Amino acid sequence: MTDYERFQRSFNKYRKLFGLSGYKVYFKKEAISDSFADIMVDVTGKCATVRFNDALSAKDKAFRNPSGEGKHEAIHLLVGKLSEVAQSRYISQREVVESEEELVRKLEELIK
């Protein structure tokens, strides 16, 4: 199994665990300038693009952890709505509370 496949498998494992099946996810393998992987989340459209860096230097490859990186990006998807709400210029307290509560409910199921 390749690093890219391990990354995708890990991401999808945590996506399912976090209850994020409502998102359409696209994976890309391409050069990223300053990270092992990243994610762009469109909360309104319920889609995300997850990128895996396939152009690491030999020095950086020694630190690659595809499973950990997949989990990391899935966590970004989990908190994506809260992040979007928090960054909105015109936001009500109710919207922040609703997003926080949604995240707490998901974490309740995960933390035993």
C-alpha atoms as a PDB file:
ATOM      1  CA  MET A   1       0.000   0.000   0.000  1.00  0.00           C
ATOM      2  CA  THR A   2       1.341   3.443  -0.908  1.00  0.00           C
ATOM      3  CA  ASP A   3       1.604   6.405   1.460  1.00  0.00           C
ATOM      4  CA  TYR A   4      -1.182   8.109  -0.499  1.00  0.00           C
ATOM      5  CA  GLU A   5      -3.476   5.102  -0.047  1.00  0.00           C
ATOM      6  CA  ARG A   6      -2.678   4.954   3.694  1.00  0.00           C
ATOM      7  CA  PHE A   7      -3.448   8.674   3.934  1.00  0.00           C
ATOM      8  CA  GLN A   8      -6.823   8.243   2.206  1.00  0.00           C
ATOM      9  CA  ARG A   9      -7.710   5.181   4.273  1.00  0.00           C
ATOM     10  CA  SER A  10      -6.909   7.016   7.523  1.00  0.00           C
ATOM     11  CA  PHE A  11      -8.834  10.128   6.481  1.00  0.00           C
ATOM     12  CA  ASN A  12     -11.898   8.079   5.550  1.00  0.00           C
ATOM     13  CA  LYS A  13     -11.700   6.041   8.765  1.00  0.00           C
ATOM     14  CA  TYR A  14     -11.815   9.182  10.911  1.00  0.00           C
ATOM     15  CA  ARG A  15     -14.349  10.887   8.667  1.00  0.00           C
ATOM     16  CA  LYS A  16     -16.694   7.957   9.295  1.00  0.00           C
ATOM     17  CA  LEU A  17     -15.861   7.877  13.017  1.00  0.00           C
ATOM     18  CA  PHE A  18     -16.620  11.614  13.303  1.00  0.00           C
ATOM     19  CA  GLY A  19     -19.956  11.226  11.509  1.00  0.00           C
ATOM     20  CA  LEU A  20     -18.987  13.410   8.559  1.00  0.00           C
ATOM     21  CA  SER A  21     -20.527  11.293   5.806  1.00  0.00           C
ATOM     22  CA  GLY A  22     -22.545  14.264   4.530  1.00  0.00           C
ATOM     23  CA  TYR A  23     -19.480  15.755   2.827  1.00  0.00           C
ATOM     24  CA  LYS A  24     -18.394  14.967  -0.731  1.00  0.00           C
ATOM     25  CA  VAL A  25     -14.618  14.548  -0.521  1.00  0.00           C
ATOM     26  CA  TYR A  26     -12.139  14.901  -3.350  1.00  0.00           C
ATOM     27  CA  PHE A  27      -8.536  13.738  -2.951  1.00  0.00           C
ATOM     28  CA  LYS A  28      -5.608  15.233  -4.826  1.00  0.00           C
ATOM     29  CA  LYS A  29      -1.971  14.191  -4.894  1.00  0.00           C
ATOM     30  CA  GLU A  30       0.174  17.194  -5.765  1.00  0.00           C
ATOM     31  CA  ALA A  31       3.000  19.438  -4.624  1.00  0.00           C
ATOM     32  CA  ILE A  32       2.175  21.590  -1.599  1.00  0.00           C
ATOM     33  CA  SER A  33       4.716  24.210  -0.613  1.00  0.00           C
ATOM     34  CA  ASP A  34       4.730  24.051   3.174  1.00  0.00           C
ATOM     35  CA  SER A  35       2.881  21.024   4.544  1.00  0.00           C
ATOM     36  CA  PHE A  36       2.485  17.274   4.281  1.00  0.00           C
ATOM     37  CA  ALA A  37      -1.222  17.650   3.517  1.00  0.00           C
ATOM     38  CA  ASP A  38      -4.055  20.161   3.733  1.00  0.00           C
ATOM     39  CA  ILE A  39      -7.804  20.474   3.338  1.00  0.00           C
ATOM     40  CA  MET A  40     -10.154  23.078   1.911  1.00  0.00           C
ATOM     41  CA  VAL A  41     -13.678  22.817   3.303  1.00  0.00           C
ATOM     42  CA  ASP A  42     -16.827  24.281   1.787  1.00  0.00           C
ATOM     43  CA  VAL A  43     -19.277  23.953   4.682  1.00  0.00           C
ATOM     44  CA  THR A  44     -22.231  25.391   2.753  1.00  0.00           C
ATOM     45  CA  GLY A  45     -21.701  23.125  -0.257  1.00  0.00           C
ATOM     46  CA  LYS A  46     -20.780  20.172   1.992  1.00  0.00           C
ATOM     47  CA  CYS A  47     -17.639  19.312   0.060  1.00  0.00           C
ATOM     48  CA  ALA A  48     -13.935  19.204   0.794  1.00  0.00           C
ATOM     49  CA  THR A  49     -10.727  18.864  -1.173  1.00  0.00           C
ATOM     50  CA  VAL A  50      -7.973  17.011   0.638  1.00  0.00           C
ATOM     51  CA  ARG A  51      -4.486  17.365  -0.789  1.00  0.00           C
ATOM     52  CA  PHE A  52      -1.554  15.033  -0.166  1.00  0.00           C
ATOM     53  CA  ASN A  53       1.932  16.396  -0.825  1.00  0.00           C
ATOM     54  CA  ASP A  54       3.697  14.139  -3.312  1.00  0.00           C
ATOM     55  CA  ALA A  55       6.778  16.353  -3.692  1.00  0.00           C
ATOM     56  CA  LEU A  56       8.518  16.132  -0.324  1.00  0.00           C
ATOM     57  CA  SER A  57      12.252  16.477  -0.018  1.00  0.00           C
ATOM     58  CA  ALA A  58      14.198  13.422   1.145  1.00  0.00           C
ATOM     59  CA  LYS A  59      14.702  15.178   4.488  1.00  0.00           C
ATOM     60  CA  ASP A  60      10.964  15.755   4.976  1.00  0.00           C
ATOM     61  CA  LYS A  61      10.004  12.237   3.833  1.00  0.00           C
ATOM     62  CA  ALA A  62      11.686  10.878   6.959  1.00  0.00           C
ATOM     63  CA  PHE A  63       8.992  12.632   9.017  1.00  0.00           C
ATOM     64  CA  ARG A  64       6.002  11.608   6.888  1.00  0.00           C
ATOM     65  CA  ASN A  65       3.188   9.849   8.761  1.00  0.00           C
ATOM     66  CA  PRO A  66       0.367   9.201   6.270  1.00  0.00           C
ATOM     67  CA  SER A  67      -2.025   7.775   8.868  1.00  0.00           C
ATOM     68  CA  GLY A  68      -1.451  10.663  11.257  1.00  0.00           C
ATOM     69  CA  GLU A  69      -1.793  13.181   8.452  1.00  0.00           C
ATOM     70  CA  GLY A  70      -5.092  11.621   7.346  1.00  0.00           C
ATOM     71  CA  LYS A  71      -6.409  11.825  10.908  1.00  0.00           C
ATOM     72  CA  HIS A  72      -5.209  15.436  11.201  1.00  0.00           C
ATOM     73  CA  GLU A  73      -7.042  16.528   8.046  1.00  0.00           C
ATOM     74  CA  ALA A  74     -10.216  14.678   9.132  1.00  0.00           C
ATOM     75  CA  ILE A  75     -10.130  16.664  12.386  1.00  0.00           C
ATOM     76  CA  HIS A  76      -9.943  19.846  10.300  1.00  0.00           C
ATOM     77  CA  LEU A  77     -13.105  18.681   8.525  1.00  0.00           C
ATOM     78  CA  LEU A  78     -14.720  18.051  11.918  1.00  0.00           C
ATOM     79  CA  VAL A  79     -14.054  21.604  13.120  1.00  0.00           C
ATOM     80  CA  GLY A  80     -14.562  23.199   9.694  1.00  0.00           C
ATOM     81  CA  LYS A  81     -18.047  24.532  10.412  1.00  0.00           C
ATOM     82  CA  LEU A  82     -17.004  26.052  13.727  1.00  0.00           C
ATOM     83  CA  SER A  83     -14.003  27.641  12.038  1.00  0.00           C
ATOM     84  CA  GLU A  84     -16.124  29.092   9.228  1.00  0.00           C
ATOM     85  CA  VAL A  85     -18.677  30.488  11.668  1.00  0.00           C
ATOM     86  CA  ALA A  86     -15.967  31.995  13.864  1.00  0.00           C
ATOM     87  CA  GLN A  87     -14.399  33.752  10.871  1.00  0.00           C
ATOM     88  CA  SER A  88     -17.644  35.197   9.564  1.00  0.00           C
ATOM     89  CA  ARG A  89     -17.900  38.965   9.754  1.00  0.00           C
ATOM     90  CA  TYR A  90     -21.599  39.016  10.538  1.00  0.00           C
ATOM     91  CA  ILE A  91     -22.246  36.296  13.036  1.00  0.00           C
ATOM     92  CA  SER A  92     -24.750  35.889  15.797  1.00  0.00           C
ATOM     93  CA  GLN A  93     -23.999  34.380  19.148  1.00  0.00           C
ATOM     94  CA  ARG A  94     -26.613  31.729  18.357  1.00  0.00           C
ATOM     95  CA  GLU A  95     -24.634  30.548  15.307  1.00  0.00           C
ATOM     96  CA  VAL A  96     -21.457  30.152  17.343  1.00  0.00           C
ATOM     97  CA  VAL A  97     -23.312  28.288  20.093  1.00  0.00           C
ATOM     98  CA  GLU A  98     -24.996  25.979  17.555  1.00  0.00           C
ATOM     99  CA  SER A  99     -21.675  25.136  15.903  1.00  0.00           C
ATOM    100  CA  GLU A 100     -20.034  24.550  19.249  1.00  0.00           C
ATOM    101  CA  GLU A 101     -22.880  22.297  20.367  1.00  0.00           C
ATOM    102  CA  GLU A 102     -22.672  20.283  17.146  1.00  0.00           C
ATOM    103  CA  LEU A 103     -18.966  19.674  17.749  1.00  0.00           C
ATOM    104  CA  VAL A 104     -19.507  18.794  21.409  1.00  0.00           C
ATOM    105  CA  ARG A 105     -22.194  16.239  20.487  1.00  0.00           C
ATOM    106  CA  LYS A 106     -19.819  14.543  18.041  1.00  0.00           C
ATOM    107  CA  LEU A 107     -17.009  14.512  20.594  1.00  0.00           C
ATOM    108  CA  GLU A 108     -19.362  13.011  23.190  1.00  0.00           C
ATOM    109  CA  GLU A 109     -19.723   9.976  20.954  1.00  0.00           C
ATOM    110  CA  LEU A 110     -15.977   9.728  20.370  1.00  0.00           C
ATOM    111  CA  ILE A 111     -14.728  10.186  23.917  1.00  0.00           C
ATOM    112  CA  LYS A 112     -15.646   7.194  26.046  1.00  0.00           C
END
